[in-house]
Amino acid sequence: MKHTIAAVALLALPFVAQAQDLPRYDPEAYCDTIADSTSLYNHCVKREQESYNALWANWNSFSAHARGYCSDLVDNYRLLEHCIKRETEAESEKSSFSFD
């Protein structure tokens, strides 16, 4: 029985690790630096939360390239969401060059 539980846990590990790849930003610190009023700060935190929730729900459906590229490029969830969206769209519409 112990071996079965250990085997199941090991099989599930890659899925848990993959789900944890969503970067950890500090939305409150980020919003504090860009907002000069409580209203703007609250709006910023709300938008960061919305973006985080959307990313969390779909993170594993995005390509590894888009996740890695965008995670390295930005420092907040709103920009991460936009970057992931642009990269995902670009991947499905990759341009090609022709000398014709």
N, C-alpha and C. Protein backbone atom coordinates (compact mmCIF):
# COMPACT_ATOMS: atom_id res chain seq x y z
N MET A 1 0.83 -1.20 0.00
CA MET A 1 0.00 0.00 0.00
C MET A 1 0.87 1.26 0.00
N LYS A 2 1.94 1.25 0.82
CA LYS A 2 2.83 2.42 0.86
C LYS A 2 3.45 2.69 -0.50
N HIS A 3 3.80 1.61 -1.21
CA HIS A 3 4.42 1.79 -2.52
C HIS A 3 3.44 2.37 -3.53
N THR A 4 2.18 1.99 -3.41
CA THR A 4 1.16 2.51 -4.31
C THR A 4 0.96 4.01 -4.07
N ILE A 5 0.90 4.40 -2.83
CA ILE A 5 0.74 5.82 -2.48
C ILE A 5 1.94 6.61 -2.96
N ALA A 6 3.13 6.09 -2.75
CA ALA A 6 4.36 6.77 -3.19
C ALA A 6 4.39 6.88 -4.70
N ALA A 7 3.98 5.85 -5.42
CA ALA A 7 3.97 5.89 -6.88
C ALA A 7 2.98 6.93 -7.39
N VAL A 8 1.81 6.98 -6.80
CA VAL A 8 0.80 7.97 -7.20
C VAL A 8 1.32 9.37 -6.92
N ALA A 9 1.95 9.56 -5.78
CA ALA A 9 2.50 10.87 -5.43
C ALA A 9 3.59 11.28 -6.42
N LEU A 10 4.44 10.36 -6.81
CA LEU A 10 5.50 10.67 -7.77
C LEU A 10 4.93 10.98 -9.15
N LEU A 11 3.87 10.29 -9.54
CA LEU A 11 3.24 10.58 -10.82
C LEU A 11 2.57 11.94 -10.83
N ALA A 12 2.03 12.36 -9.71
CA ALA A 12 1.35 13.64 -9.63
C ALA A 12 2.31 14.81 -9.50
N LEU A 13 3.54 14.55 -9.08
CA LEU A 13 4.51 15.61 -8.82
C LEU A 13 4.74 16.54 -10.01
N PRO A 14 4.91 16.04 -11.25
CA PRO A 14 5.12 16.96 -12.36
C PRO A 14 3.96 17.92 -12.57
N PHE A 15 2.72 17.47 -12.31
CA PHE A 15 1.57 18.34 -12.48
C PHE A 15 1.53 19.41 -11.40
N VAL A 16 1.90 19.06 -10.19
CA VAL A 16 1.95 20.04 -9.11
C VAL A 16 3.04 21.06 -9.39
N ALA A 17 4.22 20.59 -9.80
CA ALA A 17 5.33 21.50 -10.09
C ALA A 17 4.99 22.43 -11.24
N GLN A 18 4.33 21.89 -12.27
CA GLN A 18 3.97 22.72 -13.40
C GLN A 18 2.98 23.80 -12.99
N ALA A 19 2.03 23.48 -12.13
CA ALA A 19 1.05 24.46 -11.68
C ALA A 19 1.70 25.55 -10.85
N GLN A 20 2.83 25.25 -10.24
CA GLN A 20 3.50 26.23 -9.40
C GLN A 20 4.41 27.15 -10.19
N ASP A 21 4.50 26.97 -11.50
CA ASP A 21 5.37 27.80 -12.31
C ASP A 21 4.89 29.24 -12.44
N LEU A 22 3.64 29.50 -12.12
CA LEU A 22 3.14 30.87 -12.19
C LEU A 22 3.99 31.73 -11.26
N PRO A 23 4.61 32.77 -11.79
CA PRO A 23 5.52 33.57 -10.95
C PRO A 23 4.80 34.22 -9.77
N ARG A 24 5.57 34.49 -8.75
CA ARG A 24 5.06 35.19 -7.57
C ARG A 24 5.56 36.63 -7.62
N TYR A 25 4.64 37.54 -7.89
CA TYR A 25 4.95 38.96 -7.86
C TYR A 25 4.37 39.54 -6.57
N ASP A 26 4.69 40.77 -6.27
CA ASP A 26 4.15 41.45 -5.10
C ASP A 26 3.23 42.56 -5.59
N PRO A 27 1.96 42.25 -5.87
CA PRO A 27 1.04 43.25 -6.43
C PRO A 27 0.87 44.48 -5.55
N GLU A 28 0.86 44.30 -4.25
CA GLU A 28 0.68 45.45 -3.38
C GLU A 28 1.86 46.41 -3.47
N ALA A 29 3.07 45.88 -3.51
CA ALA A 29 4.25 46.74 -3.65
C ALA A 29 4.26 47.40 -5.02
N TYR A 30 3.91 46.63 -6.05
CA TYR A 30 3.86 47.19 -7.40
C TYR A 30 2.84 48.32 -7.46
N CYS A 31 1.63 48.08 -6.97
CA CYS A 31 0.57 49.09 -7.02
C CYS A 31 0.93 50.31 -6.18
N ASP A 32 1.61 50.07 -5.09
CA ASP A 32 2.03 51.18 -4.23
C ASP A 32 2.99 52.11 -4.96
N THR A 33 3.82 51.56 -5.84
CA THR A 33 4.80 52.39 -6.56
C THR A 33 4.18 53.17 -7.71
N ILE A 34 3.08 52.67 -8.28
CA ILE A 34 2.51 53.37 -9.44
C ILE A 34 1.28 54.20 -9.13
N ALA A 35 0.67 54.00 -7.97
CA ALA A 35 -0.57 54.72 -7.64
C ALA A 35 -0.28 55.84 -6.65
N ASP A 36 -0.83 57.01 -6.94
CA ASP A 36 -0.63 58.14 -6.03
C ASP A 36 -1.89 58.48 -5.24
N SER A 37 -2.87 57.58 -5.28
CA SER A 37 -4.07 57.76 -4.47
C SER A 37 -4.58 56.38 -4.06
N THR A 38 -5.38 56.35 -3.02
CA THR A 38 -5.95 55.09 -2.55
C THR A 38 -6.88 54.50 -3.60
N SER A 39 -7.62 55.34 -4.29
CA SER A 39 -8.52 54.86 -5.33
C SER A 39 -7.75 54.15 -6.45
N LEU A 40 -6.68 54.77 -6.91
CA LEU A 40 -5.86 54.16 -7.96
C LEU A 40 -5.18 52.89 -7.46
N TYR A 41 -4.73 52.92 -6.23
CA TYR A 41 -4.11 51.73 -5.63
C TYR A 41 -5.11 50.57 -5.59
N ASN A 42 -6.31 50.84 -5.12
CA ASN A 42 -7.34 49.81 -5.05
C ASN A 42 -7.68 49.25 -6.42
N HIS A 43 -7.77 50.14 -7.40
CA HIS A 43 -8.05 49.72 -8.77
C HIS A 43 -6.91 48.84 -9.29
N CYS A 44 -5.70 49.22 -9.03
CA CYS A 44 -4.53 48.46 -9.45
C CYS A 44 -4.54 47.06 -8.83
N VAL A 45 -4.77 46.99 -7.53
CA VAL A 45 -4.80 45.69 -6.84
C VAL A 45 -5.92 44.82 -7.41
N LYS A 46 -7.06 45.42 -7.68
CA LYS A 46 -8.19 44.68 -8.25
C LYS A 46 -7.81 44.11 -9.61
N ARG A 47 -7.19 44.90 -10.46
CA ARG A 47 -6.78 44.45 -11.80
C ARG A 47 -5.71 43.37 -11.70
N GLU A 48 -4.78 43.53 -10.77
CA GLU A 48 -3.75 42.50 -10.57
C GLU A 48 -4.40 41.18 -10.15
N GLN A 49 -5.39 41.26 -9.26
CA GLN A 49 -6.08 40.05 -8.79
C GLN A 49 -6.83 39.37 -9.94
N GLU A 50 -7.50 40.16 -10.77
CA GLU A 50 -8.22 39.61 -11.91
C GLU A 50 -7.26 38.90 -12.87
N SER A 51 -6.14 39.54 -13.13
CA SER A 51 -5.15 38.94 -14.03
C SER A 51 -4.55 37.68 -13.43
N TYR A 52 -4.22 37.73 -12.16
CA TYR A 52 -3.68 36.55 -11.48
C TYR A 52 -4.67 35.39 -11.57
N ASN A 53 -5.94 35.65 -11.27
CA ASN A 53 -6.96 34.60 -11.30
C ASN A 53 -7.07 33.99 -12.70
N ALA A 54 -7.07 34.83 -13.73
CA ALA A 54 -7.18 34.33 -15.11
C ALA A 54 -5.95 33.50 -15.48
N LEU A 55 -4.78 33.97 -15.09
CA LEU A 55 -3.55 33.23 -15.39
C LEU A 55 -3.52 31.90 -14.65
N TRP A 56 -3.88 31.93 -13.38
CA TRP A 56 -3.84 30.72 -12.56
C TRP A 56 -4.76 29.64 -13.15
N ALA A 57 -5.93 30.06 -13.60
CA ALA A 57 -6.91 29.11 -14.13
C ALA A 57 -6.45 28.47 -15.44
N ASN A 58 -5.60 29.15 -16.19
CA ASN A 58 -5.22 28.68 -17.53
C ASN A 58 -3.72 28.46 -17.71
N TRP A 59 -2.94 28.60 -16.67
CA TRP A 59 -1.48 28.62 -16.79
C TRP A 59 -0.93 27.42 -17.58
N ASN A 60 -1.40 26.24 -17.30
CA ASN A 60 -0.86 25.05 -17.95
C ASN A 60 -1.28 24.92 -19.41
N SER A 61 -2.23 25.71 -19.85
CA SER A 61 -2.65 25.64 -21.25
C SER A 61 -1.77 26.51 -22.15
N PHE A 62 -0.98 27.40 -21.57
CA PHE A 62 -0.08 28.25 -22.36
C PHE A 62 1.20 27.49 -22.66
N SER A 63 1.82 27.80 -23.78
CA SER A 63 3.04 27.10 -24.15
C SER A 63 4.15 27.41 -23.15
N ALA A 64 5.08 26.48 -23.02
CA ALA A 64 6.22 26.68 -22.12
C ALA A 64 7.02 27.90 -22.56
N HIS A 65 7.13 28.10 -23.88
CA HIS A 65 7.87 29.26 -24.38
C HIS A 65 7.22 30.56 -23.93
N ALA A 66 5.91 30.68 -24.11
CA ALA A 66 5.20 31.91 -23.73
C ALA A 66 5.31 32.14 -22.23
N ARG A 67 5.14 31.10 -21.44
CA ARG A 67 5.24 31.24 -19.98
C ARG A 67 6.62 31.70 -19.57
N GLY A 68 7.66 31.07 -20.11
CA GLY A 68 9.02 31.44 -19.73
C GLY A 68 9.41 32.82 -20.21
N TYR A 69 9.13 33.11 -21.48
CA TYR A 69 9.48 34.40 -22.05
C TYR A 69 8.80 35.54 -21.29
N CYS A 70 7.50 35.42 -21.11
CA CYS A 70 6.76 36.50 -20.46
C CYS A 70 7.10 36.63 -18.98
N SER A 71 7.32 35.52 -18.31
CA SER A 71 7.67 35.57 -16.88
C SER A 71 8.99 36.30 -16.66
N ASP A 72 9.92 36.13 -17.60
CA ASP A 72 11.22 36.81 -17.49
C ASP A 72 11.14 38.28 -17.88
N LEU A 73 10.12 38.64 -18.63
CA LEU A 73 10.03 39.98 -19.21
C LEU A 73 9.34 41.00 -18.31
N VAL A 74 8.36 40.58 -17.55
CA VAL A 74 7.51 41.53 -16.82
C VAL A 74 7.61 41.32 -15.31
N ASP A 75 7.01 42.26 -14.56
CA ASP A 75 7.08 42.18 -13.10
C ASP A 75 5.73 42.34 -12.41
N ASN A 76 4.65 42.12 -13.18
CA ASN A 76 3.32 42.17 -12.56
C ASN A 76 2.36 41.31 -13.37
N TYR A 77 1.24 40.95 -12.74
CA TYR A 77 0.30 40.02 -13.35
C TYR A 77 -0.44 40.60 -14.54
N ARG A 78 -0.74 41.87 -14.51
CA ARG A 78 -1.47 42.50 -15.62
C ARG A 78 -0.64 42.43 -16.90
N LEU A 79 0.63 42.82 -16.80
CA LEU A 79 1.49 42.75 -17.97
C LEU A 79 1.77 41.31 -18.38
N LEU A 80 1.87 40.42 -17.41
CA LEU A 80 2.08 39.02 -17.72
C LEU A 80 0.89 38.47 -18.52
N GLU A 81 -0.31 38.83 -18.12
CA GLU A 81 -1.50 38.38 -18.84
C GLU A 81 -1.48 38.89 -20.28
N HIS A 82 -1.15 40.16 -20.47
CA HIS A 82 -1.10 40.74 -21.81
C HIS A 82 -0.01 40.09 -22.65
N CYS A 83 1.15 39.88 -22.07
CA CYS A 83 2.26 39.26 -22.78
C CYS A 83 1.89 37.84 -23.21
N ILE A 84 1.34 37.07 -22.29
CA ILE A 84 0.93 35.70 -22.60
C ILE A 84 -0.09 35.70 -23.74
N LYS A 85 -1.03 36.62 -23.70
CA LYS A 85 -2.05 36.70 -24.74
C LYS A 85 -1.41 36.99 -26.10
N ARG A 86 -0.51 37.97 -26.15
CA ARG A 86 0.16 38.33 -27.40
C ARG A 86 1.00 37.16 -27.93
N GLU A 87 1.76 36.52 -27.05
CA GLU A 87 2.61 35.41 -27.47
C GLU A 87 1.77 34.23 -27.97
N THR A 88 0.68 33.95 -27.28
CA THR A 88 -0.19 32.84 -27.69
C THR A 88 -0.81 33.12 -29.05
N GLU A 89 -1.25 34.35 -29.26
CA GLU A 89 -1.80 34.72 -30.57
C GLU A 89 -0.73 34.64 -31.65
N ALA A 90 0.46 35.10 -31.36
CA ALA A 90 1.55 35.08 -32.34
C ALA A 90 1.94 33.65 -32.69
N GLU A 91 1.93 32.77 -31.72
CA GLU A 91 2.28 31.37 -31.98
C GLU A 91 1.30 30.73 -32.95
N SER A 92 0.05 31.13 -32.90
CA SER A 92 -0.94 30.53 -33.79
C SER A 92 -0.97 31.21 -35.16
N GLU A 93 -0.29 32.35 -35.29
CA GLU A 93 -0.28 33.09 -36.56
C GLU A 93 1.16 33.41 -36.97
N LYS A 94 2.06 32.46 -36.81
CA LYS A 94 3.47 32.72 -37.09
C LYS A 94 3.66 33.13 -38.55
N SER A 95 4.34 34.24 -38.75
CA SER A 95 4.58 34.77 -40.09
C SER A 95 5.70 33.99 -40.77
N SER A 96 5.69 34.03 -42.09
CA SER A 96 6.78 33.44 -42.84
C SER A 96 7.25 34.46 -43.88
N PHE A 97 8.47 34.31 -44.30
CA PHE A 97 9.07 35.23 -45.25
C PHE A 97 9.16 34.55 -46.61
N SER A 98 8.99 35.33 -47.66
CA SER A 98 9.08 34.79 -49.00
C SER A 98 9.87 35.74 -49.87
N PHE A 99 10.72 35.21 -50.75
CA PHE A 99 11.49 36.03 -51.70
C PHE A 99 10.72 36.24 -52.99
N ASP A 100 9.50 35.77 -53.07
CA ASP A 100 8.69 35.89 -54.30
C ASP A 100 8.17 37.29 -54.48
